[in-house]
C-alpha cells in the first residue's frame, strides 16, 4: 500500500525508468512491530535484499543485525 508521502514523491518527480521508493517511516514501524512480535529474538536484515544506505543506517540505529 502506498503511503501519502510516496504518492507525493511520485507526483512531483518523474523517474526516467524503474525505481524503488521506500517510506522509511514504514520500515521503522515494521521493524518495531517485528521486535514486539518476537521480543526474545535477534533480528537480522538481509543486506542483499536492499542495500540502500538510508535503510541500513535506520535499521542499525534501531539495533538490527545484518546478514551479508
PDB file of N, CA and C in Angstrom:
ATOM      1  N   UNK A   1       0.846  -1.175   0.000  1.00  0.00           N
ATOM      2  CA  UNK A   1       0.000   0.000   0.000  1.00  0.00           C
ATOM      3  C   UNK A   1       0.896   1.243   0.000  1.00  0.00           C
ATOM      4  N   UNK A   2       0.595   2.158  -0.878  1.00  0.00           N
ATOM      5  CA  UNK A   2       1.385   3.381  -0.979  1.00  0.00           C
ATOM      6  C   UNK A   2       0.981   4.363   0.116  1.00  0.00           C
ATOM      7  N   UNK A   3       1.970   4.943   0.748  1.00  0.00           N
ATOM      8  CA  UNK A   3       1.683   5.978   1.729  1.00  0.00           C
ATOM      9  C   UNK A   3       1.534   7.315   1.004  1.00  0.00           C
ATOM     10  N   UNK A   4       0.980   8.277   1.668  1.00  0.00           N
ATOM     11  CA  UNK A   4       0.799   9.592   1.056  1.00  0.00           C
ATOM     12  C   UNK A   4       2.144  10.212   0.677  1.00  0.00           C
ATOM     13  N   UNK A   5       3.149   9.975   1.483  1.00  0.00           N
ATOM     14  CA  UNK A   5       4.481  10.516   1.174  1.00  0.00           C
ATOM     15  C   UNK A   5       5.016   9.946  -0.133  1.00  0.00           C
ATOM     16  N   UNK A   6       4.789   8.664  -0.372  1.00  0.00           N
ATOM     17  CA  UNK A   6       5.236   8.057  -1.624  1.00  0.00           C
ATOM     18  C   UNK A   6       4.437   8.618  -2.794  1.00  0.00           C
ATOM     19  N   UNK A   7       3.139   8.747  -2.621  1.00  0.00           N
ATOM     20  CA  UNK A   7       2.310   9.320  -3.683  1.00  0.00           C
ATOM     21  C   UNK A   7       2.742  10.748  -4.003  1.00  0.00           C
ATOM     22  N   UNK A   8       3.053  11.529  -2.976  1.00  0.00           N
ATOM     23  CA  UNK A   8       3.527  12.903  -3.185  1.00  0.00           C
ATOM     24  C   UNK A   8       4.858  12.918  -3.938  1.00  0.00           C
ATOM     25  N   UNK A   9       5.750  12.028  -3.561  1.00  0.00           N
ATOM     26  CA  UNK A   9       7.045  11.932  -4.231  1.00  0.00           C
ATOM     27  C   UNK A   9       6.855  11.642  -5.714  1.00  0.00           C
ATOM     28  N   UNK A  10       6.033  10.658  -6.015  1.00  0.00           N
ATOM     29  CA  UNK A  10       5.824  10.278  -7.407  1.00  0.00           C
ATOM     30  C   UNK A  10       5.090  11.352  -8.200  1.00  0.00           C
ATOM     31  N   UNK A  11       4.264  12.145  -7.529  1.00  0.00           N
ATOM     32  CA  UNK A  11       3.537  13.215  -8.212  1.00  0.00           C
ATOM     33  C   UNK A  11       4.462  14.374  -8.587  1.00  0.00           C
ATOM     34  N   UNK A  12       5.524  14.579  -7.811  1.00  0.00           N
ATOM     35  CA  UNK A  12       6.400  15.727  -8.061  1.00  0.00           C
ATOM     36  C   UNK A  12       7.675  15.362  -8.806  1.00  0.00           C
ATOM     37  N   UNK A  13       8.027  14.093  -8.824  1.00  0.00           N
ATOM     38  CA  UNK A  13       9.248  13.653  -9.511  1.00  0.00           C
ATOM     39  C   UNK A  13       8.885  12.522 -10.464  1.00  0.00           C
ATOM     40  N   UNK A  14       9.314  12.630 -11.646  1.00  0.00           N
ATOM     41  CA  UNK A  14       9.033  11.608 -12.654  1.00  0.00           C
ATOM     42  C   UNK A  14      10.333  10.884 -13.013  1.00  0.00           C
ATOM     43  N   UNK A  15      10.582   9.735 -12.403  1.00  0.00           N
ATOM     44  CA  UNK A  15      11.794   8.990 -12.739  1.00  0.00           C
ATOM     45  C   UNK A  15      11.785   8.590 -14.217  1.00  0.00           C
ATOM     46  N   UNK A  16      12.961   8.559 -14.832  1.00  0.00           N
ATOM     47  CA  UNK A  16      13.081   8.183 -16.234  1.00  0.00           C
ATOM     48  C   UNK A  16      12.956   6.688 -16.459  1.00  0.00           C
ATOM     49  N   UNK A  17      13.065   5.930 -15.414  1.00  0.00           N
ATOM     50  CA  UNK A  17      12.993   4.477 -15.525  1.00  0.00           C
ATOM     51  C   UNK A  17      12.452   3.888 -14.246  1.00  0.00           C
ATOM     52  N   UNK A  18      12.520   2.585 -14.142  1.00  0.00           N
ATOM     53  CA  UNK A  18      12.035   1.928 -12.926  1.00  0.00           C
ATOM     54  C   UNK A  18      12.789   2.415 -11.700  1.00  0.00           C
ATOM     55  N   UNK A  19      12.094   2.489 -10.596  1.00  0.00           N
ATOM     56  CA  UNK A  19      12.741   2.895  -9.352  1.00  0.00           C
ATOM     57  C   UNK A  19      12.011   2.253  -8.176  1.00  0.00           C
ATOM     58  N   UNK A  20      12.683   2.215  -7.073  1.00  0.00           N
ATOM     59  CA  UNK A  20      12.103   1.718  -5.831  1.00  0.00           C
ATOM     60  C   UNK A  20      11.983   2.898  -4.884  1.00  0.00           C
ATOM     61  N   UNK A  21      10.791   3.133  -4.390  1.00  0.00           N
ATOM     62  CA  UNK A  21      10.551   4.223  -3.448  1.00  0.00           C
ATOM     63  C   UNK A  21      10.143   3.595  -2.127  1.00  0.00           C
ATOM     64  N   UNK A  22      10.878   3.917  -1.065  1.00  0.00           N
ATOM     65  CA  UNK A  22      10.643   3.317   0.244  1.00  0.00           C
ATOM     66  C   UNK A  22      10.358   4.423   1.250  1.00  0.00           C
ATOM     67  N   UNK A  23       9.320   4.257   2.023  1.00  0.00           N
ATOM     68  CA  UNK A  23       8.996   5.186   3.105  1.00  0.00           C
ATOM     69  C   UNK A  23       9.694   4.679   4.363  1.00  0.00           C
ATOM     70  N   UNK A  24      10.693   5.417   4.828  1.00  0.00           N
ATOM     71  CA  UNK A  24      11.463   4.979   5.994  1.00  0.00           C
ATOM     72  C   UNK A  24      10.610   4.885   7.254  1.00  0.00           C
ATOM     73  N   UNK A  25       9.545   5.655   7.337  1.00  0.00           N
ATOM     74  CA  UNK A  25       8.642   5.532   8.486  1.00  0.00           C
ATOM     75  C   UNK A  25       7.981   4.154   8.499  1.00  0.00           C
ATOM     76  N   UNK A  26       7.676   3.627   7.330  1.00  0.00           N
ATOM     77  CA  UNK A  26       7.078   2.286   7.242  1.00  0.00           C
ATOM     78  C   UNK A  26       8.112   1.233   7.627  1.00  0.00           C
ATOM     79  N   UNK A  27       9.347   1.406   7.181  1.00  0.00           N
ATOM     80  CA  UNK A  27      10.423   0.483   7.571  1.00  0.00           C
ATOM     81  C   UNK A  27      10.564   0.488   9.085  1.00  0.00           C
ATOM     82  N   UNK A  28      10.590   1.679   9.683  1.00  0.00           N
ATOM     83  CA  UNK A  28      10.713   1.825  11.140  1.00  0.00           C
ATOM     84  C   UNK A  28       9.554   1.132  11.861  1.00  0.00           C
ATOM     85  N   UNK A  29       8.338   1.397  11.404  1.00  0.00           N
ATOM     86  CA  UNK A  29       7.158   0.799  12.035  1.00  0.00           C
ATOM     87  C   UNK A  29       7.168  -0.724  11.913  1.00  0.00           C
ATOM     88  N   UNK A  30       7.562  -1.226  10.760  1.00  0.00           N
ATOM     89  CA  UNK A  30       7.606  -2.677  10.553  1.00  0.00           C
ATOM     90  C   UNK A  30       8.672  -3.329  11.436  1.00  0.00           C
ATOM     91  N   UNK A  31       9.821  -2.672  11.579  1.00  0.00           N
ATOM     92  CA  UNK A  31      10.868  -3.210  12.442  1.00  0.00           C
ATOM     93  C   UNK A  31      10.387  -3.271  13.886  1.00  0.00           C
ATOM     94  N   UNK A  32       9.757  -2.207  14.336  1.00  0.00           N
ATOM     95  CA  UNK A  32       9.228  -2.189  15.713  1.00  0.00           C
ATOM     96  C   UNK A  32       8.173  -3.274  15.928  1.00  0.00           C
ATOM     97  N   UNK A  33       7.299  -3.459  14.955  1.00  0.00           N
ATOM     98  CA  UNK A  33       6.262  -4.496  15.063  1.00  0.00           C
ATOM     99  C   UNK A  33       6.901  -5.884  15.118  1.00  0.00           C
ATOM    100  N   UNK A  34       7.941  -6.087  14.329  1.00  0.00           N
ATOM    101  CA  UNK A  34       8.638  -7.369  14.324  1.00  0.00           C
ATOM    102  C   UNK A  34       9.316  -7.610  15.664  1.00  0.00           C
ATOM    103  N   UNK A  35       9.950  -6.571  16.200  1.00  0.00           N
ATOM    104  CA  UNK A  35      10.577  -6.673  17.532  1.00  0.00           C
ATOM    105  C   UNK A  35       9.552  -7.033  18.605  1.00  0.00           C
ATOM    106  N   UNK A  36       8.404  -6.386  18.519  1.00  0.00           N
ATOM    107  CA  UNK A  36       7.357  -6.612  19.511  1.00  0.00           C
ATOM    108  C   UNK A  36       6.806  -8.039  19.409  1.00  0.00           C
ATOM    109  N   UNK A  37       6.665  -8.527  18.190  1.00  0.00           N
ATOM    110  CA  UNK A  37       6.123  -9.876  17.986  1.00  0.00           C
ATOM    111  C   UNK A  37       7.101 -10.962  18.414  1.00  0.00           C
ATOM    112  N   UNK A  38       8.404 -10.669  18.320  1.00  0.00           N
ATOM    113  CA  UNK A  38       9.438 -11.645  18.666  1.00  0.00           C
ATOM    114  C   UNK A  38      10.443 -11.019  19.636  1.00  0.00           C
ATOM    115  N   UNK A  39      10.011 -10.731  20.859  1.00  0.00           N
ATOM    116  CA  UNK A  39      10.863  -9.964  21.787  1.00  0.00           C
ATOM    117  C   UNK A  39      12.153 -10.670  22.206  1.00  0.00           C
ATOM    118  N   UNK A  40      12.200 -11.974  22.126  1.00  0.00           N
ATOM    119  CA  UNK A  40      13.399 -12.699  22.560  1.00  0.00           C
ATOM    120  C   UNK A  40      14.296 -13.096  21.390  1.00  0.00           C
ATOM    121  N   UNK A  41      14.057 -12.506  20.228  1.00  0.00           N
ATOM    122  CA  UNK A  41      14.819 -12.855  19.032  1.00  0.00           C
ATOM    123  C   UNK A  41      15.757 -11.729  18.614  1.00  0.00           C
ATOM    124  N   UNK A  42      16.840 -12.108  17.984  1.00  0.00           N
ATOM    125  CA  UNK A  42      17.757 -11.146  17.391  1.00  0.00           C
ATOM    126  C   UNK A  42      17.360 -11.027  15.918  1.00  0.00           C
ATOM    127  N   UNK A  43      17.077  -9.822  15.480  1.00  0.00           N
ATOM    128  CA  UNK A  43      16.578  -9.608  14.129  1.00  0.00           C
ATOM    129  C   UNK A  43      17.735  -9.305  13.188  1.00  0.00           C
ATOM    130  N   UNK A  44      17.766 -10.035  12.074  1.00  0.00           N
ATOM    131  CA  UNK A  44      18.771  -9.836  11.042  1.00  0.00           C
ATOM    132  C   UNK A  44      18.092  -9.327   9.778  1.00  0.00           C
ATOM    133  N   UNK A  45      18.686  -8.319   9.174  1.00  0.00           N
ATOM    134  CA  UNK A  45      18.212  -7.791   7.897  1.00  0.00           C
ATOM    135  C   UNK A  45      19.143  -8.314   6.809  1.00  0.00           C
ATOM    136  N   UNK A  46      18.567  -8.846   5.735  1.00  0.00           N
ATOM    137  CA  UNK A  46      19.363  -9.347   4.618  1.00  0.00           C
ATOM    138  C   UNK A  46      19.774  -8.165   3.739  1.00  0.00           C
ATOM    139  N   UNK A  47      21.021  -7.769   3.833  1.00  0.00           N
ATOM    140  CA  UNK A  47      21.522  -6.612   3.099  1.00  0.00           C
ATOM    141  C   UNK A  47      21.344  -6.806   1.599  1.00  0.00           C
ATOM    142  N   UNK A  48      21.477  -8.030   1.124  1.00  0.00           N
ATOM    143  CA  UNK A  48      21.334  -8.268  -0.311  1.00  0.00           C
ATOM    144  C   UNK A  48      19.899  -8.017  -0.793  1.00  0.00           C
ATOM    145  N   UNK A  49      18.941  -7.978   0.121  1.00  0.00           N
ATOM    146  CA  UNK A  49      17.559  -7.682  -0.260  1.00  0.00           C
ATOM    147  C   UNK A  49      17.406  -6.242  -0.704  1.00  0.00           C
ATOM    148  N   UNK A  50      18.123  -5.341  -0.066  1.00  0.00           N
ATOM    149  CA  UNK A  50      18.093  -3.923  -0.426  1.00  0.00           C
ATOM    150  C   UNK A  50      19.235  -3.232   0.317  1.00  0.00           C
ATOM    151  N   UNK A  51      20.338  -2.970  -0.373  1.00  0.00           N
ATOM    152  CA  UNK A  51      21.499  -2.375   0.286  1.00  0.00           C
ATOM    153  C   UNK A  51      21.490  -0.848   0.373  1.00  0.00           C
ATOM    154  N   UNK A  52      20.334  -0.224   0.266  1.00  0.00           N
ATOM    155  CA  UNK A  52      20.260   1.243   0.328  1.00  0.00           C
ATOM    156  C   UNK A  52      20.783   1.727   1.682  1.00  0.00           C
ATOM    157  N   UNK A  53      21.733   2.657   1.633  1.00  0.00           N
ATOM    158  CA  UNK A  53      22.361   3.141   2.866  1.00  0.00           C
ATOM    159  C   UNK A  53      21.360   3.745   3.835  1.00  0.00           C
ATOM    160  N   UNK A  54      20.338   4.423   3.343  1.00  0.00           N
ATOM    161  CA  UNK A  54      19.342   5.038   4.225  1.00  0.00           C
ATOM    162  C   UNK A  54      18.636   3.975   5.066  1.00  0.00           C
ATOM    163  N   UNK A  55      18.314   2.852   4.453  1.00  0.00           N
ATOM    164  CA  UNK A  55      17.645   1.764   5.175  1.00  0.00           C
ATOM    165  C   UNK A  55      18.613   1.122   6.162  1.00  0.00           C
ATOM    166  N   UNK A  56      19.834   0.869   5.719  1.00  0.00           N
ATOM    167  CA  UNK A  56      20.825   0.232   6.600  1.00  0.00           C
ATOM    168  C   UNK A  56      21.137   1.097   7.815  1.00  0.00           C
ATOM    169  N   UNK A  57      21.280   2.400   7.601  1.00  0.00           N
ATOM    170  CA  UNK A  57      21.548   3.302   8.732  1.00  0.00           C
ATOM    171  C   UNK A  57      20.394   3.302   9.730  1.00  0.00           C
ATOM    172  N   UNK A  58      19.179   3.360   9.205  1.00  0.00           N
ATOM    173  CA  UNK A  58      17.999   3.360  10.080  1.00  0.00           C
ATOM    174  C   UNK A  58      17.950   2.080  10.903  1.00  0.00           C
ATOM    175  N   UNK A  59      18.077   0.944  10.232  1.00  0.00           N
ATOM    176  CA  UNK A  59      18.000  -0.333  10.947  1.00  0.00           C
ATOM    177  C   UNK A  59      19.147  -0.509  11.937  1.00  0.00           C
ATOM    178  N   UNK A  60      20.330  -0.054  11.579  1.00  0.00           N
ATOM    179  CA  UNK A  60      21.471  -0.136  12.512  1.00  0.00           C
ATOM    180  C   UNK A  60      21.179   0.690  13.757  1.00  0.00           C
ATOM    181  N   UNK A  61      20.635   1.883  13.566  1.00  0.00           N
ATOM    182  CA  UNK A  61      20.309   2.748  14.707  1.00  0.00           C
ATOM    183  C   UNK A  61      19.236   2.123  15.591  1.00  0.00           C
ATOM    184  N   UNK A  62      18.401   1.283  15.002  1.00  0.00           N
ATOM    185  CA  UNK A  62      17.332   0.633  15.763  1.00  0.00           C
ATOM    186  C   UNK A  62      17.792  -0.669  16.420  1.00  0.00           C
ATOM    187  N   UNK A  63      19.020  -1.089  16.149  1.00  0.00           N
ATOM    188  CA  UNK A  63      19.562  -2.280  16.797  1.00  0.00           C
ATOM    189  C   UNK A  63      19.510  -3.542  15.970  1.00  0.00           C
ATOM    190  N   UNK A  64      19.238  -3.419  14.694  1.00  0.00           N
ATOM    191  CA  UNK A  64      19.191  -4.595  13.830  1.00  0.00           C
ATOM    192  C   UNK A  64      20.577  -5.175  13.641  1.00  0.00           C
ATOM    193  N   UNK A  65      20.611  -6.475  13.423  1.00  0.00           N
ATOM    194  CA  UNK A  65      21.837  -7.134  12.985  1.00  0.00           C
ATOM    195  C   UNK A  65      21.702  -7.322  11.474  1.00  0.00           C
ATOM    196  N   UNK A  66      22.791  -7.708  10.818  1.00  0.00           N
ATOM    197  CA  UNK A  66      22.774  -7.791   9.363  1.00  0.00           C
ATOM    198  C   UNK A  66      23.344  -9.102   8.868  1.00  0.00           C
ATOM    199  N   UNK A  67      22.680  -9.661   7.863  1.00  0.00           N
ATOM    200  CA  UNK A  67      23.125 -10.871   7.182  1.00  0.00           C
ATOM    201  C   UNK A  67      23.694 -10.427   5.840  1.00  0.00           C
ATOM    202  N   UNK A  68      24.987 -10.597   5.685  1.00  0.00           N
ATOM    203  CA  UNK A  68      25.613 -10.142   4.433  1.00  0.00           C
ATOM    204  C   UNK A  68      25.953 -11.285   3.604  1.00  0.00           C
TER     205      UNK A  68
END
